[in-house]
Structures are given as C-alpha cells and as structure tokens.
Amino acid sequence: MRMYDIIKHKRDGGELTNEEIDFFINGYVSGKVPDYQVSALLMAIYFNGMTQRETTALTFAIRDSGDKLDTSGISGIRADKHSTGGVGDKTSLVVMPIVASLGVKVAKMSGRGLGHTGGTIDKLESIEGFNVDVSAERFKRIVNDVGLSIVGQSTSLAPADKLLYALRDVTATVDNMPLIASSIMGKKLAADDDCIVLDVKTGSGAFMKTVEDSRRLAELCVEIGKKAGKKISALITDMNVPLGNNIGNSLEVIEAIQTLSGNGPDDLVEICLALAGEILFLCDMGSRNECLSLAKEALDSGKALKTFAAMVEAQGGNKNWIYNTDLFPTAKYAMDVCAPKSGYIAGVDTEGYGQASLLLGAGRNTLSDKIDYAAGIVLKSKPGDYVKAGEVIATLYSNTNNFVNAKEKLIAYTVISDQRPLKRALILDRVE
C-alpha cells in the first residue's frame, strides 16, 4: 500500500477503506509518512468529504494511535463532558464537581486555551499550587477518593490528533466536519469513559456559527460514540453571548466558585445544571427531571463546592482560595468601558469579546505564549439590558496597562439599539 494511491483515491472522490485510513494514521504517527503527503490527503478530504463509515474509521484510528487512559482500579461509572469551546465557558469547573459529588467518577483530561477560547487547564493553574501534571497512580487515587480529578492531556493519548490538528491549522483544513468530529471523538474515546455528554456551542463565539452545522456535528459525534459502545448525547447551546459575566482565567474560576456557592449568573447556572443532569441521566440515576433535581440539590447544598475544594487540595492547590476568592491576585490595572449611547444592548460579537480578552493577556496566540491569569473582562451589562450613555458596560483588567485596542474592540462589537432584543433560548436542541 502506498500513500500516493490513498491520496489519489480520495482526490478522485473515492471512499477510503479502513485499511487505507489505518495505514495513513499509523504511518504519520511513526514518521514514515511525511507532512506534505498528509497535507495533500487532508485537502482532498476537505473538498470531497468523508462518509459516516470513513469518519468513524478515522476516529477509531486516532483513538488507537497511542495509549488509552488506564482506568483500572477506578470503581464506579465514569463520565465526562466535552465542550466545543466558547467565550466565558467555565462549565467544567461547575458541572464535574456536581456529578462527582453525587457518586459519578470523573477522570478528566483537559486542554489549554488557544486563540479566543479559554482552556480548563489554564483556569485551574490560576489557583495557587494547583498541579495539572500528576502521576497516573495519584490521578486514579484522587478520582477514587474525591470522585474528581482534572489533569492536562497526556501526549501519549491519541497522538495522531495533535499531529493532525497542527497540520490542519497551517493548511486551512480546520473547518471540515469529518475532521472536527474525528478530532473530538478520537480524544474522548481514548479516555474510555462510560458516559459522554457533548456541549456543542453555536453562534458568534463558537466554532460552529449556525444551529444547523452544530446539529450536524452533534449527530456525527453521537453516532461515532454509539458505534464505540458509549452512552452519549449532546446538547446544542447558545454562544452568541459570552457565558456568565467573567472572561479570563482567574476571573472565570472565581465565577465558577460563586456558582458552586449558589451565587452564579442565571445563564451559567442553567447550562451547568442541564449538562450535569444529562450526565446523571446517562449514568442511570433517574429520569431527566429527577437528575436535574439531583444536580440542583448538589449545587444548593454546597456538596459540589466541597468536592471542588477537595480536588484542589488533593492536587496541591490552596483550598483556602476556594472559600475566599479575595485571595486570588488581582490585575494591577483596570479600565471601565462605557456605553457610547443610550439604548438596549441588542447583541454582541462574542468572538470579538474573546479577542479583546486575548489582547489584555488572558489568552495565547501560540501554545508557547505566556498567560496573564488575572487579565480579562467583567461584563456589567449583556444583551437585553438597557444602558444609558456613559454607563459602565464592562471593566477590563490587565497587568500591562495597555487597554486601547481591547476597549475599541469591545465597543465596536457591542450593538446598542432602541429596540429590546428578543430573549434567546440557551439550550437549543438535544441529540441522543
């Protein structure tokens, strides 16, 4: 078998066999197949697509390209949630403690942020002492003892995905449904959880801009998960507005702690409870309504907060910060952004808000960039709110005192109108 023939087969509109897909993935990971041939194949896939069978085969090949998460010795049902990424999306910091406090085991590997979307690992590292790189044995011990551990992604899990994504990023082949689905599910299946809930974001701050595309991606991922023998479902949730009020690493952790303490913003609470309830439902803990009630009780009673604090302590973090968020370092500089005119905030460009946060130092353009954990944005008003000219709509935080570009972006990406906008639903669909 030759890579040349596989590229030609797909270039001419053919359907790749499982053997051809395995050959290409195994050859690329081992270094026998060069970047330029994989680039050619990715472009052929970009233009000609892949069938459901091809996409599933590609996902399984990515899953099997390295180790699987060793879950031996972890007792109970294991579950995970995966978000396709957004602005202000700190749901993992709330959802996973909720379900873990109710007996579900969460052995979670998360990634870092890149571009306008934040990463769970970066957020957790804003907590003093928190260690995202623990040994496999300690990881399993924490999951058994606390119910929850969140660590950085292992380089040995699904290594083909990391290689492919880096190549897609520089060859304009990121925006392709089969390649997106196989990337998401290849990593999730390598973690080998029993139950998986996907949070597929849609809108201006999401990778998928339309509900239709988000539904297609959700259906594709759910079908792959079913073929792998997993209990899986997906919620399609709105990302036309940042989730919650805080954007930026430590700011988002603080808001997650406030939510776990019963003082979270309504939109974040609604999404987190829905996702937690869906996980509990897949874990056979009752009807969807019963599971939603269980999740709400865990939040209201403080059980979920205690579980989060226990995880932080078990991974070397300062637990006192969880019970007193004033201990988080604050940025040296702050600047208010005021409404340029009176009216209703009719809408925002959520990705633009994420880019403004990036300019403040809260994110990275490349994986080697350093993050200012205290940098970010706190929103004072959101779509549907009436504001007066000169009223503060957001506060920017940074340790660099360089606010001009971020402020200009925030104002440019905020639409103020005389008409109150229609209220949008947060949860737009479910795929199961």
Protein backbone atom coordinates (compact mmCIF):
# COMPACT_ATOMS: atom_id res chain seq x y z
CA MET A 1 0.00 0.00 0.00
CA ARG A 2 1.28 3.47 -0.93
CA MET A 3 0.31 6.88 0.41
CA TYR A 4 0.31 8.15 -3.18
CA ASP A 5 -2.52 5.78 -4.08
CA ILE A 6 -4.54 6.74 -0.96
CA ILE A 7 -4.27 10.45 -1.84
CA LYS A 8 -5.30 9.75 -5.45
CA HIS A 9 -8.22 7.61 -4.29
CA LYS A 10 -9.66 10.40 -2.14
CA ARG A 11 -8.74 13.14 -4.64
CA ASP A 12 -10.86 11.36 -7.23
CA GLY A 13 -13.85 11.18 -4.88
CA GLY A 14 -13.39 7.63 -3.66
CA GLU A 15 -14.31 6.22 -0.25
CA LEU A 16 -11.24 5.25 1.74
CA THR A 17 -11.14 1.75 3.20
CA ASN A 18 -10.46 1.15 6.88
CA GLU A 19 -7.09 -0.30 5.90
CA GLU A 20 -6.15 2.85 3.95
CA ILE A 21 -7.12 5.07 6.88
CA ASP A 22 -5.15 2.93 9.34
CA PHE A 23 -2.14 2.98 7.01
CA PHE A 24 -2.17 6.77 6.77
CA ILE A 25 -2.61 7.37 10.53
CA ASN A 26 -0.09 4.76 11.65
CA GLY A 27 2.41 5.92 9.05
CA TYR A 28 2.07 9.56 10.06
CA VAL A 29 2.47 8.87 13.79
CA SER A 30 5.52 6.66 13.18
CA GLY A 31 7.13 9.26 10.92
CA LYS A 32 7.04 7.08 7.81
CA VAL A 33 4.51 9.32 6.05
CA PRO A 34 5.68 12.94 5.58
CA ASP A 35 3.72 16.11 6.29
CA TYR A 36 3.37 17.04 2.63
CA GLN A 37 1.54 13.81 1.78
CA VAL A 38 -0.77 14.11 4.80
CA SER A 39 -1.44 17.73 3.82
CA ALA A 40 -2.46 16.59 0.36
CA LEU A 41 -4.81 13.98 1.80
CA LEU A 42 -6.34 16.46 4.25
CA MET A 43 -7.08 18.85 1.39
CA ALA A 44 -8.65 16.01 -0.62
CA ILE A 45 -10.83 15.18 2.42
CA TYR A 46 -11.67 18.88 2.82
CA PHE A 47 -13.04 19.10 -0.72
CA ASN A 48 -14.58 15.62 -1.09
CA GLY A 49 -15.73 14.93 2.47
CA MET A 50 -16.00 11.58 4.21
CA THR A 51 -18.86 9.15 4.73
CA GLN A 52 -20.07 8.23 8.20
CA ARG A 53 -18.14 4.96 7.94
CA GLU A 54 -14.92 6.74 6.90
CA THR A 55 -15.29 9.30 9.70
CA THR A 56 -15.84 6.55 12.25
CA ALA A 57 -12.81 4.63 10.95
CA LEU A 58 -10.68 7.79 11.13
CA THR A 59 -11.87 8.42 14.70
CA PHE A 60 -11.03 4.88 15.79
CA ALA A 61 -7.61 5.12 14.12
CA ILE A 62 -6.89 8.35 16.02
CA ARG A 63 -8.13 6.74 19.26
CA ASP A 64 -5.86 3.74 18.72
CA SER A 65 -2.78 5.77 17.66
CA GLY A 66 -1.44 5.80 21.23
CA ASP A 67 -2.31 4.71 24.74
CA LYS A 68 -5.78 4.64 26.26
CA LEU A 69 -6.36 6.16 29.66
CA ASP A 70 -5.64 3.48 32.26
CA THR A 71 -8.81 3.38 34.35
CA SER A 72 -8.06 0.06 36.05
CA GLY A 73 -8.68 0.42 39.76
CA ILE A 74 -11.23 3.24 39.37
CA SER A 75 -14.50 1.96 40.77
CA GLY A 76 -17.93 3.10 39.60
CA ILE A 77 -19.35 4.69 36.48
CA ARG A 78 -17.00 7.11 34.73
CA ALA A 79 -18.35 10.10 32.84
CA ASP A 80 -17.07 13.16 31.04
CA LYS A 81 -18.31 16.31 29.35
CA HIS A 82 -16.70 17.93 26.33
CA SER A 83 -17.38 21.45 25.09
CA THR A 84 -16.55 22.55 21.56
CA GLY A 85 -15.30 25.82 23.06
CA GLY A 86 -16.54 29.34 23.60
CA VAL A 87 -16.03 32.58 25.48
CA GLY A 88 -16.53 32.55 29.24
CA ASP A 89 -17.15 28.80 29.14
CA LYS A 90 -16.16 27.64 32.61
CA THR A 91 -18.82 24.89 32.78
CA SER A 92 -16.38 22.04 33.51
CA LEU A 93 -15.43 23.73 36.79
CA VAL A 94 -19.07 23.56 37.89
CA VAL A 95 -20.57 20.54 36.12
CA MET A 96 -17.90 17.99 37.03
CA PRO A 97 -17.93 18.76 40.79
CA ILE A 98 -21.73 18.48 40.74
CA VAL A 99 -21.78 14.99 39.22
CA ALA A 100 -18.74 13.82 41.24
CA SER A 101 -20.44 14.89 44.48
CA LEU A 102 -23.28 12.52 43.54
CA GLY A 103 -21.07 9.45 43.08
CA VAL A 104 -20.10 9.64 39.40
CA LYS A 105 -16.37 9.19 38.84
CA VAL A 106 -14.72 11.93 36.77
CA ALA A 107 -11.20 11.20 35.49
CA LYS A 108 -10.89 14.19 33.19
CA MET A 109 -8.13 15.28 30.86
CA SER A 110 -8.47 18.84 29.60
CA GLY A 111 -6.56 21.12 27.28
CA ARG A 112 -5.16 24.62 27.23
CA GLY A 113 -6.73 27.59 25.52
CA LEU A 114 -5.66 28.87 22.13
CA GLY A 115 -6.96 31.99 20.43
CA HIS A 116 -10.20 33.46 21.73
CA THR A 117 -11.35 30.29 23.54
CA GLY A 118 -10.12 29.56 27.05
CA GLY A 119 -8.78 26.26 28.38
CA THR A 120 -9.81 24.50 31.58
CA ILE A 121 -6.19 23.69 32.46
CA ASP A 122 -5.14 27.35 32.25
CA LYS A 123 -8.02 28.32 34.52
CA LEU A 124 -7.13 25.73 37.14
CA GLU A 125 -3.48 26.78 37.09
CA SER A 126 -4.56 30.25 38.22
CA ILE A 127 -5.20 28.64 41.64
CA GLU A 128 -2.09 28.78 43.83
CA GLY A 129 -0.25 25.45 43.80
CA PHE A 130 -2.71 23.55 41.62
CA ASN A 131 -0.88 20.76 39.80
CA VAL A 132 -2.30 19.59 36.46
CA ASP A 133 0.51 17.09 35.91
CA VAL A 134 0.14 14.27 38.44
CA SER A 135 1.27 10.65 38.13
CA ALA A 136 -1.16 8.06 36.80
CA GLU A 137 -1.40 6.35 40.17
CA ARG A 138 -2.08 9.60 42.03
CA PHE A 139 -4.63 10.58 39.38
CA LYS A 140 -6.56 7.35 39.95
CA ARG A 141 -6.27 7.67 43.72
CA ILE A 142 -7.75 11.18 43.65
CA VAL A 143 -10.61 10.00 41.43
CA ASN A 144 -11.39 7.18 43.85
CA ASP A 145 -11.06 9.31 46.99
CA VAL A 146 -12.59 12.60 45.83
CA GLY A 147 -14.59 11.48 42.81
CA LEU A 148 -12.94 14.05 40.55
CA SER A 149 -9.53 14.88 39.11
CA ILE A 150 -8.78 17.20 36.18
CA VAL A 151 -5.32 16.98 34.64
CA GLY A 152 -3.56 18.05 31.45
CA GLN A 153 -3.88 15.95 28.33
CA SER A 154 -1.33 13.17 28.08
CA THR A 155 0.87 13.31 24.98
CA SER A 156 0.58 9.52 24.73
CA LEU A 157 -3.22 9.65 24.30
CA ALA A 158 -4.37 9.94 20.67
CA PRO A 159 -1.06 11.45 19.43
CA ALA A 160 -2.38 11.41 15.86
CA ASP A 161 -4.86 14.11 16.79
CA LYS A 162 -2.18 16.51 17.98
CA LEU A 163 -0.17 15.96 14.80
CA LEU A 164 -3.18 16.30 12.52
CA TYR A 165 -4.53 19.40 14.25
CA ALA A 166 -1.18 21.20 14.00
CA LEU A 167 -1.09 20.42 10.28
CA ARG A 168 -4.74 21.38 9.71
CA ASP A 169 -4.09 24.68 11.44
CA VAL A 170 -1.48 25.72 8.85
CA THR A 171 -3.09 24.16 5.75
CA ALA A 172 -6.57 25.78 6.00
CA THR A 173 -8.27 22.43 6.64
CA VAL A 174 -9.58 23.02 10.19
CA ASP A 175 -13.13 23.83 9.09
CA ASN A 176 -14.26 20.38 7.97
CA MET A 177 -16.98 18.37 9.69
CA PRO A 178 -15.46 14.85 9.50
CA LEU A 179 -12.05 16.15 10.62
CA ILE A 180 -13.60 18.09 13.51
CA ALA A 181 -15.71 15.13 14.65
CA SER A 182 -12.82 12.65 14.47
CA SER A 183 -10.61 15.05 16.44
CA ILE A 184 -13.19 15.50 19.22
CA MET A 185 -14.20 11.87 19.47
CA GLY A 186 -10.75 10.36 18.96
CA LYS A 187 -9.57 12.05 22.16
CA LYS A 188 -12.77 11.35 24.08
CA LEU A 189 -12.76 7.65 23.18
CA ALA A 190 -9.08 7.34 24.15
CA ALA A 191 -10.14 8.45 27.64
CA ASP A 192 -12.51 5.45 27.60
CA ASP A 193 -15.33 6.85 29.76
CA ASP A 194 -18.64 5.01 30.11
CA CYS A 195 -20.83 8.08 29.51
CA ILE A 196 -20.09 11.20 27.46
CA VAL A 197 -22.09 14.41 27.14
CA LEU A 198 -21.09 16.87 24.44
CA ASP A 199 -21.77 20.58 24.76
CA VAL A 200 -21.83 21.73 21.13
CA LYS A 201 -21.71 25.51 21.07
CA THR A 202 -23.33 27.53 18.30
CA GLY A 203 -23.19 31.22 17.40
CA SER A 204 -20.76 34.10 17.02
CA GLY A 205 -18.38 32.89 19.74
CA ALA A 206 -18.41 29.24 18.67
CA PHE A 207 -16.60 27.28 16.01
CA MET A 208 -19.96 26.33 14.51
CA LYS A 209 -21.81 29.53 13.66
CA THR A 210 -25.23 28.04 12.82
CA VAL A 211 -27.57 25.69 14.67
CA GLU A 212 -27.77 23.51 11.56
CA ASP A 213 -24.00 22.96 11.45
CA SER A 214 -23.91 22.39 15.21
CA ARG A 215 -26.63 19.78 14.91
CA ARG A 216 -24.78 18.01 12.09
CA LEU A 217 -21.61 17.90 14.18
CA ALA A 218 -23.52 16.67 17.24
CA GLU A 219 -25.25 13.92 15.25
CA LEU A 220 -21.96 12.79 13.73
CA CYS A 221 -20.19 12.67 17.11
CA VAL A 222 -23.07 10.90 18.85
CA GLU A 223 -23.24 8.26 16.10
CA ILE A 224 -19.49 7.62 16.44
CA GLY A 225 -19.83 7.32 20.21
CA LYS A 226 -22.66 4.82 19.84
CA LYS A 227 -20.58 2.70 17.46
CA ALA A 228 -17.85 2.68 20.12
CA GLY A 229 -20.36 1.34 22.64
CA LYS A 230 -20.64 4.50 24.73
CA LYS A 231 -23.68 6.10 26.31
CA ILE A 232 -23.58 9.50 24.68
CA SER A 233 -25.73 12.55 23.98
CA ALA A 234 -25.19 16.18 23.02
CA LEU A 235 -26.74 19.48 23.97
CA ILE A 236 -26.57 22.32 21.47
CA THR A 237 -26.13 25.53 23.45
CA ASP A 238 -26.03 29.20 22.54
CA MET A 239 -22.72 31.05 22.25
CA ASN A 240 -23.95 34.29 20.70
CA VAL A 241 -23.32 35.82 24.13
CA PRO A 242 -20.39 35.08 26.49
CA LEU A 243 -21.39 32.57 29.16
CA GLY A 244 -21.62 34.24 32.56
CA ASN A 245 -20.14 37.66 33.23
CA ASN A 246 -16.42 36.91 33.59
CA ILE A 247 -13.95 36.29 30.75
CA GLY A 248 -10.35 35.37 31.66
CA ASN A 249 -8.70 32.64 33.69
CA SER A 250 -8.82 33.55 37.39
CA LEU A 251 -11.92 35.67 36.77
CA GLU A 252 -13.70 32.60 35.41
CA VAL A 253 -12.55 30.41 38.30
CA ILE A 254 -13.93 33.00 40.72
CA GLU A 255 -17.26 32.99 38.87
CA ALA A 256 -17.33 29.18 38.88
CA ILE A 257 -16.75 29.22 42.67
CA GLN A 258 -19.53 31.79 43.06
CA THR A 259 -21.80 29.47 41.06
CA LEU A 260 -20.84 26.48 43.22
CA SER A 261 -21.62 28.68 46.24
CA GLY A 262 -25.14 29.40 44.98
CA ASN A 263 -24.44 32.89 43.60
CA GLY A 264 -23.82 32.26 39.92
CA PRO A 265 -25.30 34.18 36.98
CA ASP A 266 -28.54 32.72 35.66
CA ASP A 267 -27.24 31.69 32.23
CA LEU A 268 -24.23 29.82 33.63
CA VAL A 269 -26.36 28.08 36.27
CA GLU A 270 -28.93 26.98 33.68
CA ILE A 271 -26.35 25.50 31.31
CA CYS A 272 -24.39 23.78 34.10
CA LEU A 273 -27.47 22.18 35.63
CA ALA A 274 -28.66 20.97 32.22
CA LEU A 275 -25.29 19.39 31.43
CA ALA A 276 -24.95 17.85 34.89
CA GLY A 277 -28.49 16.50 34.68
CA GLU A 278 -27.76 14.97 31.28
CA ILE A 279 -24.65 13.21 32.61
CA LEU A 280 -26.57 11.84 35.58
CA PHE A 281 -29.33 10.64 33.25
CA LEU A 282 -26.82 8.73 31.10
CA CYS A 283 -25.44 7.23 34.32
CA ASP A 284 -28.92 5.80 35.06
CA MET A 285 -29.55 7.92 38.14
CA GLY A 286 -33.20 8.62 37.31
CA SER A 287 -35.39 10.39 34.80
CA ARG A 288 -34.14 13.64 33.27
CA ASN A 289 -36.29 15.67 35.67
CA GLU A 290 -35.08 13.66 38.65
CA CYS A 291 -31.47 14.07 37.56
CA LEU A 292 -31.92 17.81 37.12
CA SER A 293 -33.27 17.96 40.69
CA LEU A 294 -30.31 15.94 41.98
CA ALA A 295 -27.91 18.35 40.29
CA LYS A 296 -29.70 21.38 41.71
CA GLU A 297 -29.63 19.90 45.23
CA ALA A 298 -25.88 19.23 44.96
CA LEU A 299 -25.35 22.86 43.96
CA ASP A 300 -27.69 24.37 46.55
CA SER A 301 -26.43 22.23 49.45
CA GLY A 302 -22.75 23.04 48.94
CA LYS A 303 -21.83 19.40 48.20
CA ALA A 304 -20.45 20.31 44.79
CA LEU A 305 -18.35 23.15 46.22
CA LYS A 306 -16.84 20.80 48.81
CA THR A 307 -15.96 18.32 46.08
CA PHE A 308 -14.25 21.03 44.03
CA ALA A 309 -12.29 22.20 47.09
CA ALA A 310 -11.28 18.61 47.86
CA MET A 311 -9.97 18.14 44.32
CA VAL A 312 -7.99 21.39 44.51
CA GLU A 313 -6.40 20.29 47.79
CA ALA A 314 -5.65 16.79 46.50
CA GLN A 315 -3.82 18.28 43.51
CA GLY A 316 -1.68 20.58 45.59
CA GLY A 317 -3.80 23.70 45.32
CA ASN A 318 -4.57 26.15 48.11
CA LYS A 319 -8.06 25.16 49.28
CA ASN A 320 -8.44 28.47 51.14
CA TRP A 321 -8.72 30.25 47.80
CA ILE A 322 -11.90 28.29 47.07
CA TYR A 323 -13.57 29.52 50.23
CA ASN A 324 -12.18 33.04 49.96
CA THR A 325 -11.84 34.27 46.37
CA ASP A 326 -10.35 37.56 47.60
CA LEU A 327 -7.08 35.60 47.82
CA PHE A 328 -6.84 35.45 44.02
CA PRO A 329 -4.31 38.05 42.79
CA THR A 330 -5.92 41.00 41.01
CA ALA A 331 -4.54 42.79 37.97
CA LYS A 332 -2.53 45.96 38.57
CA TYR A 333 -4.65 47.98 36.19
CA ALA A 334 -8.36 48.27 35.39
CA MET A 335 -10.34 50.34 32.89
CA ASP A 336 -14.09 50.84 32.58
CA VAL A 337 -15.77 50.68 29.19
CA CYS A 338 -18.82 52.95 28.92
CA ALA A 339 -21.82 52.82 26.62
CA PRO A 340 -21.38 55.31 23.75
CA LYS A 341 -25.13 55.97 23.66
CA SER A 342 -28.36 55.04 25.43
CA GLY A 343 -30.47 52.05 24.42
CA TYR A 344 -30.78 48.31 24.72
CA ILE A 345 -27.78 46.07 24.17
CA ALA A 346 -29.19 44.27 21.15
CA GLY A 347 -26.32 41.90 20.58
CA VAL A 348 -22.57 41.34 20.77
CA ASP A 349 -19.92 39.66 18.66
CA THR A 350 -18.83 37.05 21.19
CA GLU A 351 -15.69 36.08 19.31
CA GLY A 352 -14.76 39.77 19.26
CA TYR A 353 -15.15 39.89 23.05
CA GLY A 354 -12.85 36.88 23.25
CA GLN A 355 -10.31 38.65 21.05
CA ALA A 356 -10.47 41.70 23.33
CA SER A 357 -9.69 39.45 26.29
CA LEU A 358 -6.79 37.98 24.30
CA LEU A 359 -5.38 41.49 23.75
CA LEU A 360 -5.40 42.02 27.51
CA GLY A 361 -3.21 38.95 28.01
CA ALA A 362 -5.86 36.41 29.06
CA GLY A 363 -5.13 34.04 26.17
CA ARG A 364 -2.44 32.96 23.78
CA ASN A 365 -1.93 33.10 20.03
CA THR A 366 0.56 30.23 20.11
CA LEU A 367 0.94 27.45 22.67
CA SER A 368 4.25 28.94 23.84
CA ASP A 369 2.70 32.31 24.79
CA LYS A 370 2.51 33.16 28.49
CA ILE A 371 -0.84 33.97 30.07
CA ASP A 372 -1.69 36.79 32.45
CA TYR A 373 -4.00 34.84 34.76
CA ALA A 374 -5.55 37.99 36.25
CA ALA A 375 -6.32 39.58 32.87
CA GLY A 376 -9.77 39.62 31.38
CA ILE A 377 -13.17 41.26 31.25
CA VAL A 378 -16.06 41.51 33.70
CA LEU A 379 -19.32 42.33 31.93
CA LYS A 380 -21.72 44.67 33.70
CA SER A 381 -24.43 44.52 31.01
CA LYS A 382 -25.45 41.89 28.48
CA PRO A 383 -27.93 41.67 25.57
CA GLY A 384 -31.42 42.67 26.69
CA ASP A 385 -30.17 45.18 29.29
CA TYR A 386 -30.96 48.88 28.91
CA VAL A 387 -27.95 51.16 29.34
CA LYS A 388 -27.55 54.91 29.46
CA ALA A 389 -24.84 56.83 27.59
CA GLY A 390 -21.73 56.87 29.75
CA GLU A 391 -22.83 53.92 31.89
CA VAL A 392 -20.18 51.27 32.55
CA ILE A 393 -20.92 48.15 30.50
CA ALA A 394 -17.66 46.28 31.23
CA THR A 395 -14.41 46.53 33.16
CA LEU A 396 -11.11 45.46 31.62
CA TYR A 397 -8.27 44.02 33.71
CA SER A 398 -4.60 43.63 32.80
CA ASN A 399 -1.10 43.80 34.26
CA THR A 400 0.21 45.68 31.19
CA ASN A 401 -1.92 48.87 31.29
CA ASN A 402 -2.45 48.53 27.53
CA PHE A 403 -6.20 48.85 27.12
CA VAL A 404 -6.74 50.91 23.96
CA ASN A 405 -7.21 48.14 21.38
CA ALA A 406 -9.27 45.93 23.70
CA LYS A 407 -11.55 48.83 24.60
CA GLU A 408 -12.06 49.75 20.95
CA LYS A 409 -12.90 46.14 20.09
CA LEU A 410 -15.40 45.83 22.92
CA ILE A 411 -17.23 48.99 21.87
CA ALA A 412 -17.15 48.04 18.18
CA TYR A 413 -18.54 44.56 18.93
CA THR A 414 -21.44 45.82 21.10
CA VAL A 415 -24.68 46.74 19.30
CA ILE A 416 -26.93 49.26 21.09
CA SER A 417 -30.43 49.76 19.72
CA ASP A 418 -33.71 51.47 20.57
CA GLN A 419 -35.44 48.09 20.33
CA ARG A 420 -35.23 45.47 23.06
CA PRO A 421 -33.95 42.22 21.51
CA LEU A 422 -35.92 39.00 21.73
CA LYS A 423 -34.72 36.73 24.52
CA ARG A 424 -32.75 33.78 23.17
CA ALA A 425 -33.00 30.23 24.44
CA LEU A 426 -29.76 28.93 25.95
CA ILE A 427 -30.35 25.25 25.15
CA LEU A 428 -31.37 24.93 21.52
CA ASP A 429 -31.52 21.18 20.95
CA ARG A 430 -30.60 17.74 22.23
CA VAL A 431 -29.13 14.93 20.13
CA GLU A 432 -29.26 11.41 21.54
